[in-house]
Amino acid sequence: MEHIFYSTIEKITDFLTKDTLCSEARRKQLIYGLQVFAYNVFVISVILILAAICRCFLTSLLIFAVFGTFRILAGGYHCNSMAKCLLTTTAVIVGSGKCAQFIAFSLPVTILLCIDLN
């Protein structure tokens, strides 16, 4: 999975820089920026699509927003591969959304629990 992801980003970078004189440092910056952007778009899309399929989109979106905010501020555990990260984050967000629906928590209680757990 990671090899396909990185090779695709390399091809996009080659396409974007083929007509310009670009230093190696600039090229590496572009590659890194595209990797971060593409990875985040991919993970967020997968999580929200699975949440919609599981019929817990709004709850999962709320949990995702709170989780993401605290994750940015506090840091935390990082997986050593893209697949593990995708699986772990999706399980936490969609699982929490489905669990909150199953237990029938209101959205304010869900927010408070998410803040407390983070």
C-alpha atoms as a PDB file:
ATOM      1  CA  MET A   1       0.000   0.000   0.000  1.00  0.00           C
ATOM      2  CA  GLU A   2       2.734   2.449   0.937  1.00  0.00           C
ATOM      3  CA  HIS A   3       4.793   1.672  -2.170  1.00  0.00           C
ATOM      4  CA  ILE A   4       1.857   2.492  -4.457  1.00  0.00           C
ATOM      5  CA  PHE A   5       1.132   5.656  -2.504  1.00  0.00           C
ATOM      6  CA  TYR A   6       4.734   6.917  -2.624  1.00  0.00           C
ATOM      7  CA  SER A   7       5.283   6.024  -6.275  1.00  0.00           C
ATOM      8  CA  THR A   8       2.078   7.855  -7.233  1.00  0.00           C
ATOM      9  CA  ILE A   9       3.251  10.968  -5.388  1.00  0.00           C
ATOM     10  CA  GLU A  10       6.638  10.715  -7.151  1.00  0.00           C
ATOM     11  CA  LYS A  11       4.878  10.599 -10.556  1.00  0.00           C
ATOM     12  CA  ILE A  12       2.709  13.597  -9.676  1.00  0.00           C
ATOM     13  CA  THR A  13       5.814  15.514  -8.555  1.00  0.00           C
ATOM     14  CA  ASP A  14       7.651  14.605 -11.753  1.00  0.00           C
ATOM     15  CA  PHE A  15       4.681  15.838 -13.791  1.00  0.00           C
ATOM     16  CA  LEU A  16       4.455  19.115 -11.853  1.00  0.00           C
ATOM     17  CA  THR A  17       8.176  19.870 -12.055  1.00  0.00           C
ATOM     18  CA  LYS A  18       9.003  18.648 -15.564  1.00  0.00           C
ATOM     19  CA  ASP A  19       8.961  22.115 -17.189  1.00  0.00           C
ATOM     20  CA  THR A  20      10.646  23.993 -14.347  1.00  0.00           C
ATOM     21  CA  LEU A  21      14.112  24.180 -12.930  1.00  0.00           C
ATOM     22  CA  CYS A  22      13.600  22.846  -9.449  1.00  0.00           C
ATOM     23  CA  SER A  23      16.307  22.215  -6.876  1.00  0.00           C
ATOM     24  CA  GLU A  24      16.414  18.876  -5.114  1.00  0.00           C
ATOM     25  CA  ALA A  25      15.495  20.541  -1.811  1.00  0.00           C
ATOM     26  CA  ARG A  26      12.407  22.155  -3.388  1.00  0.00           C
ATOM     27  CA  ARG A  27      11.451  18.869  -5.009  1.00  0.00           C
ATOM     28  CA  LYS A  28      11.676  17.045  -1.680  1.00  0.00           C
ATOM     29  CA  GLN A  29       9.536  19.743  -0.043  1.00  0.00           C
ATOM     30  CA  LEU A  30       6.924  19.328  -2.763  1.00  0.00           C
ATOM     31  CA  ILE A  31       6.965  15.545  -2.380  1.00  0.00           C
ATOM     32  CA  TYR A  32       6.550  15.796   1.389  1.00  0.00           C
ATOM     33  CA  GLY A  33       3.703  18.312   1.114  1.00  0.00           C
ATOM     34  CA  LEU A  34       1.877  16.197  -1.455  1.00  0.00           C
ATOM     35  CA  GLN A  35       2.351  13.071   0.671  1.00  0.00           C
ATOM     36  CA  VAL A  36       0.885  14.724   3.753  1.00  0.00           C
ATOM     37  CA  PHE A  37      -2.012  16.225   1.806  1.00  0.00           C
ATOM     38  CA  ALA A  38      -2.884  13.059  -0.127  1.00  0.00           C
ATOM     39  CA  TYR A  39      -2.586  10.853   2.950  1.00  0.00           C
ATOM     40  CA  ASN A  40      -4.874  13.077   5.024  1.00  0.00           C
ATOM     41  CA  VAL A  41      -7.478  13.324   2.258  1.00  0.00           C
ATOM     42  CA  PHE A  42      -7.392   9.542   1.811  1.00  0.00           C
ATOM     43  CA  VAL A  43      -7.750   8.726   5.521  1.00  0.00           C
ATOM     44  CA  ILE A  44     -10.505  11.277   6.122  1.00  0.00           C
ATOM     45  CA  SER A  45     -12.414  10.064   3.058  1.00  0.00           C
ATOM     46  CA  VAL A  46     -12.222   6.409   4.101  1.00  0.00           C
ATOM     47  CA  ILE A  47     -13.340   7.193   7.656  1.00  0.00           C
ATOM     48  CA  LEU A  48     -16.291   9.333   6.587  1.00  0.00           C
ATOM     49  CA  ILE A  49     -17.419   6.907   3.875  1.00  0.00           C
ATOM     50  CA  LEU A  50     -17.349   3.995   6.338  1.00  0.00           C
ATOM     51  CA  ALA A  51     -19.191   6.117   8.904  1.00  0.00           C
ATOM     52  CA  ALA A  52     -21.880   6.867   6.309  1.00  0.00           C
ATOM     53  CA  ILE A  53     -22.157   3.173   5.417  1.00  0.00           C
ATOM     54  CA  CYS A  54     -22.509   2.315   9.121  1.00  0.00           C
ATOM     55  CA  ARG A  55     -25.169   5.044   9.480  1.00  0.00           C
ATOM     56  CA  CYS A  56     -23.297   6.971  12.148  1.00  0.00           C
ATOM     57  CA  PHE A  57     -21.975   9.814   9.999  1.00  0.00           C
ATOM     58  CA  LEU A  58     -22.838  12.830  12.173  1.00  0.00           C
ATOM     59  CA  THR A  59     -21.712  11.243  15.419  1.00  0.00           C
ATOM     60  CA  SER A  60     -18.488  10.015  13.830  1.00  0.00           C
ATOM     61  CA  LEU A  61     -17.896  13.415  12.234  1.00  0.00           C
ATOM     62  CA  LEU A  62     -18.267  15.075  15.623  1.00  0.00           C
ATOM     63  CA  ILE A  63     -15.969  12.564  17.312  1.00  0.00           C
ATOM     64  CA  PHE A  64     -13.499  12.923  14.445  1.00  0.00           C
ATOM     65  CA  ALA A  65     -13.432  16.717  14.835  1.00  0.00           C
ATOM     66  CA  VAL A  66     -12.850  16.535  18.586  1.00  0.00           C
ATOM     67  CA  PHE A  67     -10.371  13.658  18.280  1.00  0.00           C
ATOM     68  CA  GLY A  68      -8.469  15.445  15.512  1.00  0.00           C
ATOM     69  CA  THR A  69      -8.268  18.692  17.447  1.00  0.00           C
ATOM     70  CA  PHE A  70      -6.905  17.036  20.550  1.00  0.00           C
ATOM     71  CA  ARG A  71      -4.588  14.864  18.488  1.00  0.00           C
ATOM     72  CA  ILE A  72      -3.060  17.952  16.887  1.00  0.00           C
ATOM     73  CA  LEU A  73      -2.649  19.678  20.257  1.00  0.00           C
ATOM     74  CA  ALA A  74      -1.490  16.719  22.330  1.00  0.00           C
ATOM     75  CA  GLY A  75       0.242  14.376  19.893  1.00  0.00           C
ATOM     76  CA  GLY A  76      -0.049  10.730  20.803  1.00  0.00           C
ATOM     77  CA  TYR A  77       0.673   7.256  19.520  1.00  0.00           C
ATOM     78  CA  HIS A  78       1.811   6.933  15.902  1.00  0.00           C
ATOM     79  CA  CYS A  79       1.629   3.684  13.956  1.00  0.00           C
ATOM     80  CA  ASN A  80       4.612   2.561  11.922  1.00  0.00           C
ATOM     81  CA  SER A  81       2.663   1.905   8.703  1.00  0.00           C
ATOM     82  CA  MET A  82      -0.136   3.542   6.747  1.00  0.00           C
ATOM     83  CA  ALA A  83      -2.355   0.467   6.930  1.00  0.00           C
ATOM     84  CA  LYS A  84      -2.108   0.253  10.730  1.00  0.00           C
ATOM     85  CA  CYS A  85      -2.828   3.961  11.075  1.00  0.00           C
ATOM     86  CA  LEU A  86      -5.833   3.776   8.769  1.00  0.00           C
ATOM     87  CA  LEU A  87      -7.227   0.710  10.528  1.00  0.00           C
ATOM     88  CA  THR A  88      -6.663   2.085  14.038  1.00  0.00           C
ATOM     89  CA  THR A  89      -8.042   5.555  13.373  1.00  0.00           C
ATOM     90  CA  THR A  90     -11.052   4.213  11.478  1.00  0.00           C
ATOM     91  CA  ALA A  91     -11.837   1.720  14.245  1.00  0.00           C
ATOM     92  CA  VAL A  92     -11.627   4.429  16.918  1.00  0.00           C
ATOM     93  CA  ILE A  93     -13.746   6.996  15.079  1.00  0.00           C
ATOM     94  CA  VAL A  94     -16.407   4.784  13.487  1.00  0.00           C
ATOM     95  CA  GLY A  95     -16.482   2.416  16.476  1.00  0.00           C
ATOM     96  CA  SER A  96     -16.981   5.304  18.870  1.00  0.00           C
ATOM     97  CA  GLY A  97     -19.694   6.780  16.654  1.00  0.00           C
ATOM     98  CA  LYS A  98     -21.548   3.487  16.461  1.00  0.00           C
ATOM     99  CA  CYS A  99     -21.101   2.883  20.194  1.00  0.00           C
ATOM    100  CA  ALA A 100     -22.472   6.349  21.012  1.00  0.00           C
ATOM    101  CA  GLN A 101     -25.528   5.612  18.850  1.00  0.00           C
ATOM    102  CA  PHE A 102     -26.000   2.180  20.381  1.00  0.00           C
ATOM    103  CA  ILE A 103     -25.890   3.532  23.931  1.00  0.00           C
ATOM    104  CA  ALA A 104     -28.031   6.490  22.745  1.00  0.00           C
ATOM    105  CA  PHE A 105     -25.816   9.258  24.063  1.00  0.00           C
ATOM    106  CA  SER A 106     -26.831  12.753  23.097  1.00  0.00           C
ATOM    107  CA  LEU A 107     -24.317  14.758  21.104  1.00  0.00           C
ATOM    108  CA  PRO A 108     -23.262  16.971  24.067  1.00  0.00           C
ATOM    109  CA  VAL A 109     -22.592  13.877  26.182  1.00  0.00           C
ATOM    110  CA  THR A 110     -20.645  12.376  23.279  1.00  0.00           C
ATOM    111  CA  ILE A 111     -18.512  15.537  23.073  1.00  0.00           C
ATOM    112  CA  LEU A 112     -17.825  15.484  26.826  1.00  0.00           C
ATOM    113  CA  LEU A 113     -16.898  11.798  26.758  1.00  0.00           C
ATOM    114  CA  CYS A 114     -14.610  12.315  23.787  1.00  0.00           C
ATOM    115  CA  ILE A 115     -12.871  15.225  25.506  1.00  0.00           C
ATOM    116  CA  ASP A 116     -12.533  13.201  28.695  1.00  0.00           C
ATOM    117  CA  LEU A 117     -11.163  10.126  26.925  1.00  0.00           C
ATOM    118  CA  ASN A 118      -8.652  12.166  24.960  1.00  0.00           C
END
